[in-house]
């Protein structure tokens, strides 16, 4: 059975984020990269709260997908 890593966190704005990676090539480097990405998402959420300019047009789902696409691009690590 392939290893699976699941990371859950709550953003300062109250949303819960849950990300999991699974497969035979899961390594410490990939998990650390995932944690850095989650930290960046958390920091972006804190900045958004500080500015108090939360856009009604952009949903949390869109923000998460944007962060994933920016950091993972075509799906390669």
PDB file of N, CA and C in Angstrom:
ATOM      1  N   UNK A   1       0.840  -1.181   0.000  1.00  0.00           N
ATOM      2  CA  UNK A   1       0.000   0.000   0.000  1.00  0.00           C
ATOM      3  C   UNK A   1       0.885   1.245   0.000  1.00  0.00           C
ATOM      4  N   UNK A   2       0.556   2.192  -0.848  1.00  0.00           N
ATOM      5  CA  UNK A   2       1.336   3.425  -0.990  1.00  0.00           C
ATOM      6  C   UNK A   2       1.157   4.310   0.244  1.00  0.00           C
ATOM      7  N   UNK A   3       2.226   4.995   0.667  1.00  0.00           N
ATOM      8  CA  UNK A   3       2.096   5.901   1.807  1.00  0.00           C
ATOM      9  C   UNK A   3       1.205   7.091   1.468  1.00  0.00           C
ATOM     10  N   UNK A   4       0.530   7.584   2.501  1.00  0.00           N
ATOM     11  CA  UNK A   4      -0.339   8.747   2.319  1.00  0.00           C
ATOM     12  C   UNK A   4      -0.070   9.731   3.450  1.00  0.00           C
ATOM     13  N   UNK A   5       0.068  10.993   3.092  1.00  0.00           N
ATOM     14  CA  UNK A   5       0.280  12.072   4.055  1.00  0.00           C
ATOM     15  C   UNK A   5      -0.907  13.018   3.934  1.00  0.00           C
ATOM     16  N   UNK A   6      -1.515  13.339   5.072  1.00  0.00           N
ATOM     17  CA  UNK A   6      -2.646  14.263   5.078  1.00  0.00           C
ATOM     18  C   UNK A   6      -2.317  15.401   6.040  1.00  0.00           C
ATOM     19  N   UNK A   7      -2.461  16.630   5.542  1.00  0.00           N
ATOM     20  CA  UNK A   7      -2.191  17.821   6.337  1.00  0.00           C
ATOM     21  C   UNK A   7      -3.478  18.622   6.415  1.00  0.00           C
ATOM     22  N   UNK A   8      -3.877  18.971   7.636  1.00  0.00           N
ATOM     23  CA  UNK A   8      -5.072  19.786   7.839  1.00  0.00           C
ATOM     24  C   UNK A   8      -4.675  21.019   8.634  1.00  0.00           C
ATOM     25  N   UNK A   9      -5.314  22.137   8.310  1.00  0.00           N
ATOM     26  CA  UNK A   9      -5.019  23.381   9.008  1.00  0.00           C
ATOM     27  C   UNK A   9      -6.249  24.274   8.940  1.00  0.00           C
ATOM     28  N   UNK A  10      -6.305  25.223   9.838  1.00  0.00           N
ATOM     29  CA  UNK A  10      -7.363  26.235   9.813  1.00  0.00           C
ATOM     30  C   UNK A  10      -6.700  27.581   9.559  1.00  0.00           C
ATOM     31  N   UNK A  11      -7.183  28.284   8.562  1.00  0.00           N
ATOM     32  CA  UNK A  11      -6.639  29.596   8.233  1.00  0.00           C
ATOM     33  C   UNK A  11      -7.119  30.623   9.254  1.00  0.00           C
ATOM     34  N   UNK A  12      -6.400  31.727   9.412  1.00  0.00           N
ATOM     35  CA  UNK A  12      -6.826  32.767  10.355  1.00  0.00           C
ATOM     36  C   UNK A  12      -8.233  33.299  10.057  1.00  0.00           C
ATOM     37  N   UNK A  13      -8.650  33.206   8.808  1.00  0.00           N
ATOM     38  CA  UNK A  13      -9.983  33.687   8.437  1.00  0.00           C
ATOM     39  C   UNK A  13     -11.079  32.686   8.785  1.00  0.00           C
ATOM     40  N   UNK A  14     -10.688  31.489   9.276  1.00  0.00           N
ATOM     41  CA  UNK A  14     -11.669  30.514   9.726  1.00  0.00           C
ATOM     42  C   UNK A  14     -11.870  29.322   8.814  1.00  0.00           C
ATOM     43  N   UNK A  15     -11.432  29.396   7.569  1.00  0.00           N
ATOM     44  CA  UNK A  15     -11.597  28.272   6.651  1.00  0.00           C
ATOM     45  C   UNK A  15     -10.646  27.141   7.031  1.00  0.00           C
ATOM     46  N   UNK A  16     -11.103  25.912   6.803  1.00  0.00           N
ATOM     47  CA  UNK A  16     -10.259  24.735   7.031  1.00  0.00           C
ATOM     48  C   UNK A  16      -9.697  24.276   5.696  1.00  0.00           C
ATOM     49  N   UNK A  17      -8.414  23.902   5.712  1.00  0.00           N
ATOM     50  CA  UNK A  17      -7.739  23.413   4.517  1.00  0.00           C
ATOM     51  C   UNK A  17      -7.237  22.012   4.824  1.00  0.00           C
ATOM     52  N   UNK A  18      -7.494  21.094   3.903  1.00  0.00           N
ATOM     53  CA  UNK A  18      -7.034  19.719   4.050  1.00  0.00           C
ATOM     54  C   UNK A  18      -6.416  19.285   2.727  1.00  0.00           C
ATOM     55  N   UNK A  19      -5.136  18.890   2.770  1.00  0.00           N
ATOM     56  CA  UNK A  19      -4.424  18.472   1.568  1.00  0.00           C
ATOM     57  C   UNK A  19      -3.784  17.125   1.858  1.00  0.00           C
ATOM     58  N   UNK A  20      -3.896  16.205   0.912  1.00  0.00           N
ATOM     59  CA  UNK A  20      -3.239  14.911   1.097  1.00  0.00           C
ATOM     60  C   UNK A  20      -2.465  14.549  -0.161  1.00  0.00           C
ATOM     61  N   UNK A  21      -1.348  13.863   0.052  1.00  0.00           N
ATOM     62  CA  UNK A  21      -0.565  13.336  -1.061  1.00  0.00           C
ATOM     63  C   UNK A  21      -0.387  11.844  -0.815  1.00  0.00           C
ATOM     64  N   UNK A  22      -0.425  11.091  -1.890  1.00  0.00           N
ATOM     65  CA  UNK A  22      -0.362   9.643  -1.775  1.00  0.00           C
ATOM     66  C   UNK A  22       0.378   9.088  -2.981  1.00  0.00           C
ATOM     67  N   UNK A  23       1.165   8.078  -2.762  1.00  0.00           N
ATOM     68  CA  UNK A  23       1.864   7.432  -3.861  1.00  0.00           C
ATOM     69  C   UNK A  23       3.171   6.811  -3.416  1.00  0.00           C
ATOM     70  N   UNK A  24       3.745   6.022  -4.286  1.00  0.00           N
ATOM     71  CA  UNK A  24       4.974   5.313  -3.918  1.00  0.00           C
ATOM     72  C   UNK A  24       6.192   6.230  -3.821  1.00  0.00           C
ATOM     73  N   UNK A  25       6.125   7.432  -4.400  1.00  0.00           N
ATOM     74  CA  UNK A  25       7.284   8.323  -4.418  1.00  0.00           C
ATOM     75  C   UNK A  25       7.180   9.473  -3.419  1.00  0.00           C
ATOM     76  N   UNK A  26       6.345   9.340  -2.386  1.00  0.00           N
ATOM     77  CA  UNK A  26       6.224  10.394  -1.388  1.00  0.00           C
ATOM     78  C   UNK A  26       7.530  10.434  -0.587  1.00  0.00           C
ATOM     79  N   UNK A  27       8.140  11.615  -0.552  1.00  0.00           N
ATOM     80  CA  UNK A  27       9.408  11.760   0.165  1.00  0.00           C
ATOM     81  C   UNK A  27       9.314  12.919   1.154  1.00  0.00           C
ATOM     82  N   UNK A  28      10.306  13.007   2.011  1.00  0.00           N
ATOM     83  CA  UNK A  28      10.359  14.094   2.981  1.00  0.00           C
ATOM     84  C   UNK A  28      10.405  15.443   2.266  1.00  0.00           C
ATOM     85  N   UNK A  29      11.133  15.511   1.173  1.00  0.00           N
ATOM     86  CA  UNK A  29      11.245  16.752   0.403  1.00  0.00           C
ATOM     87  C   UNK A  29       9.875  17.203  -0.112  1.00  0.00           C
ATOM     88  N   UNK A  30       9.080  16.276  -0.602  1.00  0.00           N
ATOM     89  CA  UNK A  30       7.750  16.615  -1.127  1.00  0.00           C
ATOM     90  C   UNK A  30       6.819  17.068  -0.011  1.00  0.00           C
ATOM     91  N   UNK A  31       6.915  16.426   1.151  1.00  0.00           N
ATOM     92  CA  UNK A  31       6.080  16.814   2.285  1.00  0.00           C
ATOM     93  C   UNK A  31       6.470  18.211   2.762  1.00  0.00           C
ATOM     94  N   UNK A  32       7.762  18.490   2.832  1.00  0.00           N
ATOM     95  CA  UNK A  32       8.212  19.823   3.234  1.00  0.00           C
ATOM     96  C   UNK A  32       7.752  20.885   2.242  1.00  0.00           C
ATOM     97  N   UNK A  33       7.767  20.557   0.959  1.00  0.00           N
ATOM     98  CA  UNK A  33       7.285  21.479  -0.068  1.00  0.00           C
ATOM     99  C   UNK A  33       5.796  21.761   0.140  1.00  0.00           C
ATOM    100  N   UNK A  34       5.038  20.727   0.450  1.00  0.00           N
ATOM    101  CA  UNK A  34       3.612  20.874   0.717  1.00  0.00           C
ATOM    102  C   UNK A  34       3.385  21.771   1.931  1.00  0.00           C
ATOM    103  N   UNK A  35       4.166  21.577   2.975  1.00  0.00           N
ATOM    104  CA  UNK A  35       4.025  22.395   4.176  1.00  0.00           C
ATOM    105  C   UNK A  35       4.385  23.857   3.908  1.00  0.00           C
ATOM    106  N   UNK A  36       5.405  24.097   3.091  1.00  0.00           N
ATOM    107  CA  UNK A  36       5.752  25.475   2.722  1.00  0.00           C
ATOM    108  C   UNK A  36       4.606  26.129   1.953  1.00  0.00           C
ATOM    109  N   UNK A  37       3.990  25.359   1.060  1.00  0.00           N
ATOM    110  CA  UNK A  37       2.862  25.880   0.288  1.00  0.00           C
ATOM    111  C   UNK A  37       1.706  26.240   1.211  1.00  0.00           C
ATOM    112  N   UNK A  38       1.427  25.378   2.170  1.00  0.00           N
ATOM    113  CA  UNK A  38       0.359  25.639   3.128  1.00  0.00           C
ATOM    114  C   UNK A  38       0.688  26.871   3.973  1.00  0.00           C
ATOM    115  N   UNK A  39       1.953  27.033   4.352  1.00  0.00           N
ATOM    116  CA  UNK A  39       2.369  28.204   5.121  1.00  0.00           C
ATOM    117  C   UNK A  39       2.147  29.480   4.308  1.00  0.00           C
ATOM    118  N   UNK A  40       2.465  29.432   3.017  1.00  0.00           N
ATOM    119  CA  UNK A  40       2.245  30.595   2.157  1.00  0.00           C
ATOM    120  C   UNK A  40       0.760  30.923   2.048  1.00  0.00           C
ATOM    121  N   UNK A  41      -0.071  29.904   1.973  1.00  0.00           N
ATOM    122  CA  UNK A  41      -1.515  30.110   1.923  1.00  0.00           C
ATOM    123  C   UNK A  41      -1.992  30.758   3.214  1.00  0.00           C
ATOM    124  N   UNK A  42      -1.458  30.303   4.334  1.00  0.00           N
ATOM    125  CA  UNK A  42      -1.818  30.857   5.642  1.00  0.00           C
ATOM    126  C   UNK A  42      -1.385  32.325   5.734  1.00  0.00           C
ATOM    127  N   UNK A  43      -0.166  32.626   5.277  1.00  0.00           N
ATOM    128  CA  UNK A  43       0.330  34.004   5.313  1.00  0.00           C
ATOM    129  C   UNK A  43      -0.507  34.905   4.413  1.00  0.00           C
ATOM    130  N   UNK A  44      -0.891  34.407   3.255  1.00  0.00           N
ATOM    131  CA  UNK A  44      -1.732  35.189   2.342  1.00  0.00           C
ATOM    132  C   UNK A  44      -3.081  35.479   2.981  1.00  0.00           C
ATOM    133  N   UNK A  45      -3.606  34.510   3.715  1.00  0.00           N
ATOM    134  CA  UNK A  45      -4.886  34.696   4.387  1.00  0.00           C
ATOM    135  C   UNK A  45      -4.770  35.759   5.478  1.00  0.00           C
ATOM    136  N   UNK A  46      -3.650  35.754   6.202  1.00  0.00           N
ATOM    137  CA  UNK A  46      -3.452  36.756   7.252  1.00  0.00           C
ATOM    138  C   UNK A  46      -3.346  38.148   6.650  1.00  0.00           C
ATOM    139  N   UNK A  47      -2.637  38.281   5.534  1.00  0.00           N
ATOM    140  CA  UNK A  47      -2.526  39.582   4.871  1.00  0.00           C
ATOM    141  C   UNK A  47      -3.885  40.068   4.402  1.00  0.00           C
ATOM    142  N   UNK A  48      -4.673  39.137   3.913  1.00  0.00           N
ATOM    143  CA  UNK A  48      -6.004  39.487   3.427  1.00  0.00           C
ATOM    144  C   UNK A  48      -6.867  40.015   4.567  1.00  0.00           C
ATOM    145  N   UNK A  49      -6.755  39.397   5.737  1.00  0.00           N
ATOM    146  CA  UNK A  49      -7.528  39.867   6.884  1.00  0.00           C
ATOM    147  C   UNK A  49      -7.050  41.239   7.347  1.00  0.00           C
ATOM    148  N   UNK A  50      -5.740  41.453   7.314  1.00  0.00           N
ATOM    149  CA  UNK A  50      -5.200  42.743   7.731  1.00  0.00           C
ATOM    150  C   UNK A  50      -5.682  43.863   6.825  1.00  0.00           C
ATOM    151  N   UNK A  51      -5.724  43.606   5.540  1.00  0.00           N
ATOM    152  CA  UNK A  51      -6.139  44.634   4.587  1.00  0.00           C
ATOM    153  C   UNK A  51      -7.644  44.861   4.617  1.00  0.00           C
ATOM    154  N   UNK A  52      -8.388  43.875   5.086  1.00  0.00           N
ATOM    155  CA  UNK A  52      -9.853  43.936   5.151  1.00  0.00           C
ATOM    156  C   UNK A  52     -10.470  44.257   3.797  1.00  0.00           C
ATOM    157  N   UNK A  53      -9.834  43.749   2.765  1.00  0.00           N
ATOM    158  CA  UNK A  53     -10.346  43.941   1.413  1.00  0.00           C
ATOM    159  C   UNK A  53     -10.595  42.584   0.775  1.00  0.00           C
ATOM    160  N   UNK A  54     -11.363  41.752   1.450  1.00  0.00           N
ATOM    161  CA  UNK A  54     -11.653  40.425   0.934  1.00  0.00           C
ATOM    162  C   UNK A  54     -12.605  40.559  -0.248  1.00  0.00           C
ATOM    163  N   UNK A  55     -12.173  40.078  -1.373  1.00  0.00           N
ATOM    164  CA  UNK A  55     -12.970  40.178  -2.588  1.00  0.00           C
ATOM    165  C   UNK A  55     -14.109  39.164  -2.560  1.00  0.00           C
ATOM    166  N   UNK A  56     -15.305  39.614  -2.840  1.00  0.00           N
ATOM    167  CA  UNK A  56     -16.460  38.724  -2.904  1.00  0.00           C
ATOM    168  C   UNK A  56     -16.408  37.842  -4.148  1.00  0.00           C
ATOM    169  N   UNK A  57     -15.663  38.273  -5.172  1.00  0.00           N
ATOM    170  CA  UNK A  57     -15.617  37.547  -6.435  1.00  0.00           C
ATOM    171  C   UNK A  57     -14.720  36.317  -6.379  1.00  0.00           C
ATOM    172  N   UNK A  58     -13.722  36.295  -5.499  1.00  0.00           N
ATOM    173  CA  UNK A  58     -12.782  35.190  -5.434  1.00  0.00           C
ATOM    174  C   UNK A  58     -13.115  34.313  -4.234  1.00  0.00           C
ATOM    175  N   UNK A  59     -13.399  33.046  -4.498  1.00  0.00           N
ATOM    176  CA  UNK A  59     -13.725  32.121  -3.419  1.00  0.00           C
ATOM    177  C   UNK A  59     -12.456  31.486  -2.874  1.00  0.00           C
ATOM    178  N   UNK A  60     -12.566  30.874  -1.703  1.00  0.00           N
ATOM    179  CA  UNK A  60     -11.431  30.171  -1.112  1.00  0.00           C
ATOM    180  C   UNK A  60     -10.958  29.065  -2.042  1.00  0.00           C
ATOM    181  N   UNK A  61     -11.896  28.379  -2.663  1.00  0.00           N
ATOM    182  CA  UNK A  61     -11.550  27.303  -3.597  1.00  0.00           C
ATOM    183  C   UNK A  61     -10.671  27.826  -4.729  1.00  0.00           C
ATOM    184  N   UNK A  62     -11.027  28.981  -5.297  1.00  0.00           N
ATOM    185  CA  UNK A  62     -10.237  29.567  -6.383  1.00  0.00           C
ATOM    186  C   UNK A  62      -8.842  29.958  -5.903  1.00  0.00           C
ATOM    187  N   UNK A  63      -8.751  30.488  -4.682  1.00  0.00           N
ATOM    188  CA  UNK A  63      -7.452  30.864  -4.132  1.00  0.00           C
ATOM    189  C   UNK A  63      -6.567  29.634  -3.944  1.00  0.00           C
ATOM    190  N   UNK A  64      -7.139  28.562  -3.403  1.00  0.00           N
ATOM    191  CA  UNK A  64      -6.372  27.332  -3.181  1.00  0.00           C
ATOM    192  C   UNK A  64      -5.893  26.768  -4.500  1.00  0.00           C
ATOM    193  N   UNK A  65      -6.773  26.714  -5.493  1.00  0.00           N
ATOM    194  CA  UNK A  65      -6.363  26.186  -6.797  1.00  0.00           C
ATOM    195  C   UNK A  65      -5.284  27.057  -7.428  1.00  0.00           C
ATOM    196  N   UNK A  66      -5.364  28.388  -7.222  1.00  0.00           N
ATOM    197  CA  UNK A  66      -4.339  29.275  -7.761  1.00  0.00           C
ATOM    198  C   UNK A  66      -2.982  28.989  -7.112  1.00  0.00           C
ATOM    199  N   UNK A  67      -2.972  28.806  -5.785  1.00  0.00           N
ATOM    200  CA  UNK A  67      -1.723  28.504  -5.079  1.00  0.00           C
ATOM    201  C   UNK A  67      -1.163  27.167  -5.543  1.00  0.00           C
ATOM    202  N   UNK A  68      -2.028  26.163  -5.695  1.00  0.00           N
ATOM    203  CA  UNK A  68      -1.579  24.847  -6.160  1.00  0.00           C
ATOM    204  C   UNK A  68      -1.010  24.953  -7.564  1.00  0.00           C
ATOM    205  N   UNK A  69      -1.702  25.660  -8.454  1.00  0.00           N
ATOM    206  CA  UNK A  69      -1.228  25.796  -9.834  1.00  0.00           C
ATOM    207  C   UNK A  69       0.094  26.558  -9.893  1.00  0.00           C
ATOM    208  N   UNK A  70       0.236  27.596  -9.065  1.00  0.00           N
ATOM    209  CA  UNK A  70       1.475  28.369  -9.057  1.00  0.00           C
ATOM    210  C   UNK A  70       2.654  27.546  -8.556  1.00  0.00           C
ATOM    211  N   UNK A  71       2.403  26.678  -7.566  1.00  0.00           N
ATOM    212  CA  UNK A  71       3.495  25.924  -6.960  1.00  0.00           C
ATOM    213  C   UNK A  71       3.747  24.576  -7.610  1.00  0.00           C
ATOM    214  N   UNK A  72       2.721  23.975  -8.180  1.00  0.00           N
ATOM    215  CA  UNK A  72       2.882  22.648  -8.764  1.00  0.00           C
ATOM    216  C   UNK A  72       2.775  22.657 -10.277  1.00  0.00           C
ATOM    217  N   UNK A  73       2.214  23.708 -10.847  1.00  0.00           N
ATOM    218  CA  UNK A  73       2.137  23.853 -12.298  1.00  0.00           C
ATOM    219  C   UNK A  73       1.455  22.699 -12.985  1.00  0.00           C
ATOM    220  N   UNK A  74       2.235  21.927 -13.724  1.00  0.00           N
ATOM    221  CA  UNK A  74       1.673  20.849 -14.534  1.00  0.00           C
ATOM    222  C   UNK A  74       1.500  19.551 -13.759  1.00  0.00           C
ATOM    223  N   UNK A  75       1.629  19.592 -12.451  1.00  0.00           N
ATOM    224  CA  UNK A  75       1.433  18.397 -11.636  1.00  0.00           C
ATOM    225  C   UNK A  75       2.729  17.707 -11.254  1.00  0.00           C
ATOM    226  N   UNK A  76       3.866  18.219 -11.716  1.00  0.00           N
ATOM    227  CA  UNK A  76       5.144  17.629 -11.334  1.00  0.00           C
ATOM    228  C   UNK A  76       5.640  18.305 -10.071  1.00  0.00           C
ATOM    229  N   UNK A  77       6.477  17.610  -9.338  1.00  0.00           N
ATOM    230  CA  UNK A  77       7.018  18.154  -8.090  1.00  0.00           C
ATOM    231  C   UNK A  77       8.269  18.864  -8.387  1.00  0.00           C
TER     232      UNK A  77
END
